[in-house]
Structures are given as C-alpha cells and as structure tokens.
Amino acid sequence: MKNEIFNGSRFWNYFKYDATQMGRNHMRAAIGIGLSGLILYVIAVGVGLLFNGGEWSGPPIKSRFFIFYLASVILQLYQTRTYGYLTDKRKGSAWLMLPASTFEKWLSMIIMTLIVIPVLFLVVYLGSDAILAALDPTVGNSLLYSFGHGMRDVADEFVTINGEYNTTWSIGFFLPSLIAGFCFNYLFFLLCGLLFKKHKILGAFAIIFVASSLFSVVASMLDINTSVEVNDFADAELQIRHIMNTVTWVAVLLAAGVAGGIYWRLKTLKH
C-alpha cells in the first residue's frame, strides 16, 4: 500500500508533470524576463546606430546591473502567476484531481519556486550576458565577472578592516539573512497568487501596506528605540551582529510561516 503523504516515484512523476506545465504555461514570460539583458543590448545598439552617428556600442555596466535587478524584482512579482491558475474553477479543479498528495504538490511547488525558477533565471540571464560580453568588446566585462570581482573587493576590504580594528567580518555572515529574505519574498508572492482570484499583485501590495502600517503603529505604541550606543568598533560589531541575527531569524520564521500558509491553502482549496 502506497504512503498517502509521500511516495518517491509518485512525487517524481508529479514533479516532471509540474515542470512540463510550468514551461508550457510560462515560456514566453520566462524568455522575456530571462533575456531582458539581450533586449537592452539590442535597444542600446539600435540607439547608437540611429542617433550617435552609426556608432556600435553596447550598454554600460551600470545599465546592465539595473536591468538585472529590475528583472529579478519582476520575477518575484511573477510568482503570483506561476500557480495563480489554481484559483480558477476549471483549472484548479483539474489540479486537485491529479494523482499526488497535497504534501507532494506543495513540495514540488516549493522546489520549483525557490530552486528551479531562480536558477534557470540566473543561468539564462547571466549566460546570455556573458556571451554578449565575449562577442562584443563594446559591452565590457560580463555581469558574472563583475559580481565575482566585486565580491573579491569586498572580501579584501573586510580583511583590511579586521586587521585594523580587530573585528571578524566576512561575506558569509550576511548570506543567511539574504537567503532567508529571498525565500520569504518568493514564497510571499506565491501565497498571494493562491489567495486572490483577481488583482493578485495588487492584493500582495495591499498586504504589505497594511502590515507595514500595523508595524509602525505597534512600534510607536511600544516606543521602540532602534538607535544604539557604541563605544568602540568591537562593541559596534556585536551590536550589528545582534541586529543581523535577529533579522535573519525573523526572516526565517516569516518564510516558514508563509510556506505553512501555502500548504494550508492547498489543503483547503475548493471550488
């Protein structure tokens, strides 16, 4: 008798189906977001040829960084649509009939949202940018090279600061908070896509507005003081580490709570 909650072969079959449906339903959006750097390149070259005396020139690094950031934000917002069809009566009812447990469907959704989609985005976007940089010298260094070079500069700066002020900073210390925040953002917009039948992004921003307003009111009522007094660099490091650890744990708890909310929504989804 198969496990009603999780079965490896059943989950794998559903995951393959889920990936196929994801590609089929969102291929055009994925191409538009993942290749937005290529679109910027075509526009920059076209403008140069038309208005700069026929000069062939790729977009500068700052513009490419901005478009990369903008594309990553759009990708987060787009999570409201990846599984948003489940609120549709016909499509959602058909999804409920698929031969997989709620946990297996939820797990596939989490893997798709937090791993498959972001990784594919990075591969396509940074890969196309690297190809352009290799083929066209006017583009300059690729974003991937610039990221790596920037990380090395930051690491070297930390080494200098640590030696001068007897601190222990490193890039790795800030990664958990960034990863937790990334997970929360993606899962939050995914949950909003499952909660609202229409105007999903607008509903997500309404929740953000209400939550931030409530937090401001509570903070004002409790007279929360965010300022800290430090006497030296070692004391400042302890204070910053305490704040960052608190932020990280809050983000982890929020992400876990949203993931639980997604499971609850799938468990109670009816049409």
Protein backbone atom coordinates (compact mmCIF):
# COMPACT_ATOMS: atom_id res chain seq x y z
CA MET A 1 0.00 0.00 0.00
CA LYS A 2 1.44 3.35 -1.04
CA ASN A 3 2.12 6.06 1.51
CA GLU A 4 -0.71 8.58 1.32
CA ILE A 5 1.53 11.51 2.31
CA PHE A 6 4.72 10.94 0.32
CA ASN A 7 5.81 8.36 -2.22
CA GLY A 8 9.08 8.84 -4.10
CA SER A 9 8.05 7.57 -7.53
CA ARG A 10 4.67 9.28 -7.35
CA PHE A 11 6.30 12.57 -6.36
CA TRP A 12 8.86 12.31 -9.16
CA ASN A 13 6.13 11.69 -11.75
CA TYR A 14 4.18 14.69 -10.49
CA PHE A 15 7.29 16.88 -10.36
CA LYS A 16 8.06 16.09 -14.01
CA TYR A 17 4.47 16.94 -14.92
CA ASP A 18 4.68 20.16 -12.88
CA ALA A 19 7.90 21.20 -14.63
CA THR A 20 6.38 20.47 -18.04
CA GLN A 21 3.30 22.54 -17.26
CA MET A 22 5.44 25.36 -15.92
CA GLY A 23 7.43 25.53 -19.14
CA ARG A 24 4.34 25.27 -21.31
CA ASN A 25 2.35 27.96 -19.50
CA HIS A 26 5.09 30.48 -18.79
CA MET A 27 7.66 30.06 -21.55
CA ARG A 28 7.07 33.46 -23.15
CA ALA A 29 7.26 35.28 -19.82
CA ALA A 30 10.39 33.34 -18.91
CA ILE A 31 12.05 34.32 -22.19
CA GLY A 32 11.07 37.97 -21.72
CA ILE A 33 12.43 38.14 -18.17
CA GLY A 34 15.49 35.94 -18.67
CA LEU A 35 16.57 37.64 -21.89
CA SER A 36 15.77 41.21 -20.85
CA GLY A 37 19.51 41.90 -20.84
CA LEU A 38 19.63 40.91 -24.53
CA ILE A 39 16.67 43.20 -25.20
CA LEU A 40 18.57 46.06 -23.53
CA TYR A 41 21.58 45.28 -25.73
CA VAL A 42 19.52 45.43 -28.93
CA ILE A 43 17.96 48.75 -27.86
CA ALA A 44 21.35 50.27 -26.92
CA VAL A 45 22.95 49.23 -30.19
CA GLY A 46 19.94 50.45 -32.18
CA VAL A 47 20.01 53.86 -30.48
CA GLY A 48 23.73 54.16 -31.15
CA LEU A 49 23.32 53.34 -34.83
CA LEU A 50 20.40 55.71 -35.28
CA PHE A 51 21.33 58.71 -33.16
CA ASN A 52 25.08 58.54 -32.49
CA GLY A 53 26.40 58.69 -35.98
CA GLY A 54 26.23 54.98 -36.64
CA GLU A 55 28.34 54.11 -33.59
CA TRP A 56 28.02 50.48 -32.46
CA SER A 57 28.05 50.47 -28.67
CA GLY A 58 26.69 48.01 -26.13
CA PRO A 59 25.00 49.14 -22.89
CA PRO A 60 27.28 50.19 -19.99
CA ILE A 61 27.69 48.01 -16.92
CA LYS A 62 25.51 50.24 -14.70
CA SER A 63 22.56 49.93 -17.08
CA ARG A 64 23.00 46.16 -17.26
CA PHE A 65 23.12 45.90 -13.46
CA PHE A 66 19.94 47.96 -13.20
CA ILE A 67 18.07 45.82 -15.74
CA PHE A 68 19.27 42.67 -13.97
CA TYR A 69 17.92 44.00 -10.67
CA LEU A 70 14.65 45.06 -12.32
CA ALA A 71 14.26 41.63 -13.94
CA SER A 72 14.83 39.91 -10.59
CA VAL A 73 12.11 42.07 -8.98
CA ILE A 74 9.70 41.29 -11.83
CA LEU A 75 10.47 37.59 -11.41
CA GLN A 76 9.48 37.81 -7.73
CA LEU A 77 6.21 39.54 -8.61
CA TYR A 78 5.56 36.96 -11.32
CA GLN A 79 5.33 34.23 -8.68
CA THR A 80 1.75 35.41 -8.16
CA ARG A 81 1.03 33.95 -11.62
CA THR A 82 3.05 30.73 -11.72
CA TYR A 83 0.42 28.83 -9.71
CA GLY A 84 -2.23 31.52 -9.71
CA TYR A 85 -4.34 29.42 -12.08
CA LEU A 86 -5.29 27.20 -9.12
CA THR A 87 -7.89 29.80 -8.09
CA ASP A 88 -9.64 29.24 -11.43
CA LYS A 89 -12.56 26.83 -11.02
CA ARG A 90 -11.87 24.68 -14.07
CA LYS A 91 -8.07 24.57 -13.91
CA GLY A 92 -7.96 24.38 -10.14
CA SER A 93 -10.44 21.51 -10.01
CA ALA A 94 -8.41 19.59 -12.58
CA TRP A 95 -5.26 20.16 -10.49
CA LEU A 96 -6.97 18.79 -7.37
CA MET A 97 -7.70 15.55 -9.25
CA LEU A 98 -4.05 14.91 -10.12
CA PRO A 99 -2.71 11.65 -8.57
CA ALA A 100 -0.43 13.12 -5.89
CA SER A 101 -0.83 14.04 -2.25
CA THR A 102 -1.16 17.64 -1.09
CA PHE A 103 2.28 17.42 0.50
CA GLU A 104 3.85 16.21 -2.74
CA LYS A 105 2.21 19.01 -4.70
CA TRP A 106 3.32 21.52 -2.07
CA LEU A 107 6.90 20.20 -2.08
CA SER A 108 7.07 20.37 -5.87
CA MET A 109 5.75 23.93 -5.74
CA ILE A 110 8.38 24.95 -3.17
CA ILE A 111 11.24 23.37 -5.14
CA MET A 112 10.02 24.96 -8.36
CA THR A 113 9.69 28.40 -6.74
CA LEU A 114 12.86 28.53 -4.65
CA ILE A 115 15.29 26.49 -6.75
CA VAL A 116 14.28 25.71 -10.34
CA ILE A 117 12.91 29.12 -11.39
CA PRO A 118 15.66 31.30 -9.79
CA VAL A 119 18.47 29.02 -11.00
CA LEU A 120 17.15 28.96 -14.56
CA PHE A 121 16.77 32.74 -14.47
CA LEU A 122 20.40 33.21 -13.36
CA VAL A 123 21.71 30.73 -15.92
CA VAL A 124 19.80 32.30 -18.82
CA TYR A 125 20.35 35.93 -17.84
CA LEU A 126 23.99 35.75 -16.79
CA GLY A 127 24.79 33.24 -19.53
CA SER A 128 23.40 35.45 -22.30
CA ASP A 129 25.20 38.45 -20.80
CA ALA A 130 28.50 36.53 -20.73
CA ILE A 131 28.05 35.52 -24.39
CA LEU A 132 27.41 39.14 -25.38
CA ALA A 133 30.49 40.29 -23.45
CA ALA A 134 32.60 37.65 -25.18
CA LEU A 135 31.32 38.51 -28.67
CA ASP A 136 31.13 42.30 -28.44
CA PRO A 137 34.07 44.22 -26.88
CA THR A 138 31.92 47.36 -26.52
CA VAL A 139 29.90 45.61 -23.80
CA GLY A 140 32.88 45.34 -21.48
CA ASN A 141 33.08 42.81 -18.65
CA SER A 142 30.23 40.40 -18.08
CA LEU A 143 27.96 40.75 -15.06
CA LEU A 144 29.23 37.41 -13.76
CA TYR A 145 32.82 38.64 -13.86
CA SER A 146 31.84 41.94 -12.26
CA PHE A 147 29.96 40.11 -9.47
CA GLY A 148 32.98 37.94 -8.76
CA HIS A 149 35.38 40.87 -8.88
CA GLY A 150 33.11 42.88 -6.58
CA MET A 151 32.91 40.01 -4.07
CA ARG A 152 36.71 39.76 -4.02
CA ASP A 153 36.98 43.50 -3.41
CA VAL A 154 34.52 43.29 -0.51
CA ALA A 155 36.36 40.30 0.95
CA ASP A 156 39.68 42.16 0.71
CA GLU A 157 38.09 45.19 2.37
CA PHE A 158 36.86 43.02 5.23
CA VAL A 159 40.39 41.64 5.67
CA THR A 160 41.74 45.19 5.94
CA ILE A 161 39.03 46.26 8.40
CA ASN A 162 39.50 43.13 10.53
CA GLY A 163 43.23 43.69 10.76
CA GLU A 164 42.89 47.37 11.61
CA TYR A 165 40.04 47.23 14.12
CA ASN A 166 40.33 43.66 15.45
CA THR A 167 36.92 42.61 14.08
CA THR A 168 35.82 39.37 12.39
CA TRP A 169 33.66 40.43 9.43
CA SER A 170 33.17 38.16 6.43
CA ILE A 171 30.82 37.93 3.45
CA GLY A 172 29.46 34.63 4.74
CA PHE A 173 27.97 36.33 7.79
CA PHE A 174 25.49 38.27 5.65
CA LEU A 175 24.45 35.34 3.41
CA PRO A 176 21.87 33.71 5.76
CA SER A 177 19.82 36.90 6.02
CA LEU A 178 19.94 37.38 2.24
CA ILE A 179 18.86 33.77 1.59
CA ALA A 180 16.08 33.95 4.17
CA GLY A 181 14.83 37.23 2.71
CA PHE A 182 14.94 35.76 -0.80
CA CYS A 183 12.87 32.74 0.30
CA PHE A 184 10.33 34.91 2.07
CA ASN A 185 9.86 37.25 -0.92
CA TYR A 186 9.29 34.45 -3.42
CA LEU A 187 7.00 32.46 -1.12
CA PHE A 188 5.02 35.54 -0.12
CA PHE A 189 4.09 36.40 -3.71
CA LEU A 190 3.39 32.74 -4.41
CA LEU A 191 0.95 32.66 -1.48
CA CYS A 192 -0.74 35.85 -2.68
CA GLY A 193 -1.23 34.24 -6.07
CA LEU A 194 -3.06 31.38 -4.35
CA LEU A 195 -5.14 33.61 -2.06
CA PHE A 196 -6.51 36.17 -4.52
CA LYS A 197 -8.60 35.24 -7.53
CA LYS A 198 -8.06 38.61 -9.24
CA HIS A 199 -5.63 41.51 -8.93
CA LYS A 200 -3.06 39.24 -7.30
CA ILE A 201 -0.13 41.67 -7.32
CA LEU A 202 -2.37 44.50 -6.11
CA GLY A 203 -3.54 42.26 -3.28
CA ALA A 204 0.06 41.46 -2.36
CA PHE A 205 0.95 45.15 -2.13
CA ALA A 206 -2.20 45.78 -0.07
CA ILE A 207 -1.00 43.18 2.46
CA ILE A 208 2.45 44.79 2.53
CA PHE A 209 0.91 48.22 3.11
CA VAL A 210 -1.36 47.00 5.93
CA ALA A 211 1.45 45.01 7.59
CA SER A 212 3.90 47.93 7.46
CA SER A 213 1.25 50.31 8.79
CA LEU A 214 0.44 47.98 11.71
CA PHE A 215 4.13 47.56 12.48
CA SER A 216 4.58 51.34 12.54
CA VAL A 217 1.61 51.74 14.90
CA VAL A 218 2.83 48.98 17.23
CA ALA A 219 6.38 50.34 17.23
CA SER A 220 5.03 53.79 18.06
CA MET A 221 2.85 52.46 20.89
CA LEU A 222 5.69 50.43 22.39
CA ASP A 223 8.12 53.33 21.87
CA ILE A 224 10.67 51.05 20.24
CA ASN A 225 14.07 52.73 20.05
CA THR A 226 16.18 51.50 17.15
CA SER A 227 19.22 53.63 17.99
CA VAL A 228 22.20 52.01 19.73
CA GLU A 229 25.14 53.45 21.60
CA VAL A 230 28.57 52.06 20.84
CA ASN A 231 31.90 52.80 22.45
CA ASP A 232 34.33 51.15 20.02
CA PHE A 233 34.45 49.06 16.87
CA ALA A 234 34.25 45.78 18.80
CA ASP A 235 31.06 46.97 20.51
CA ALA A 236 29.67 48.13 17.16
CA GLU A 237 30.38 44.70 15.67
CA LEU A 238 28.48 42.97 18.48
CA GLN A 239 25.52 45.31 18.04
CA ILE A 240 25.40 44.82 14.27
CA ARG A 241 25.73 41.04 14.60
CA HIS A 242 22.88 41.00 17.10
CA ILE A 243 20.68 43.04 14.77
CA MET A 244 21.56 40.89 11.74
CA ASN A 245 20.93 37.66 13.65
CA THR A 246 17.55 38.99 14.76
CA VAL A 247 16.68 39.99 11.19
CA THR A 248 17.75 36.57 9.91
CA TRP A 249 15.65 34.65 12.41
CA VAL A 250 12.63 36.87 11.78
CA ALA A 251 13.00 36.27 8.02
CA VAL A 252 13.37 32.51 8.57
CA LEU A 253 10.25 32.40 10.75
CA LEU A 254 8.30 34.52 8.25
CA ALA A 255 9.38 32.31 5.35
CA ALA A 256 8.45 29.16 7.29
CA GLY A 257 5.11 30.72 8.21
CA VAL A 258 4.37 31.63 4.59
CA ALA A 259 5.38 28.12 3.45
CA GLY A 260 2.96 26.73 6.03
CA GLY A 261 0.30 29.13 4.77
CA ILE A 262 0.82 27.82 1.23
CA TYR A 263 0.33 24.24 2.42
CA TRP A 264 -2.81 25.24 4.34
CA ARG A 265 -4.16 27.00 1.25
CA LEU A 266 -3.57 23.93 -0.92
CA LYS A 267 -5.10 21.67 1.74
CA THR A 268 -8.25 23.77 1.94
CA LEU A 269 -8.50 24.70 -1.76
CA LYS A 270 -12.04 24.14 -3.00
CA HIS A 271 -14.09 25.31 -5.94
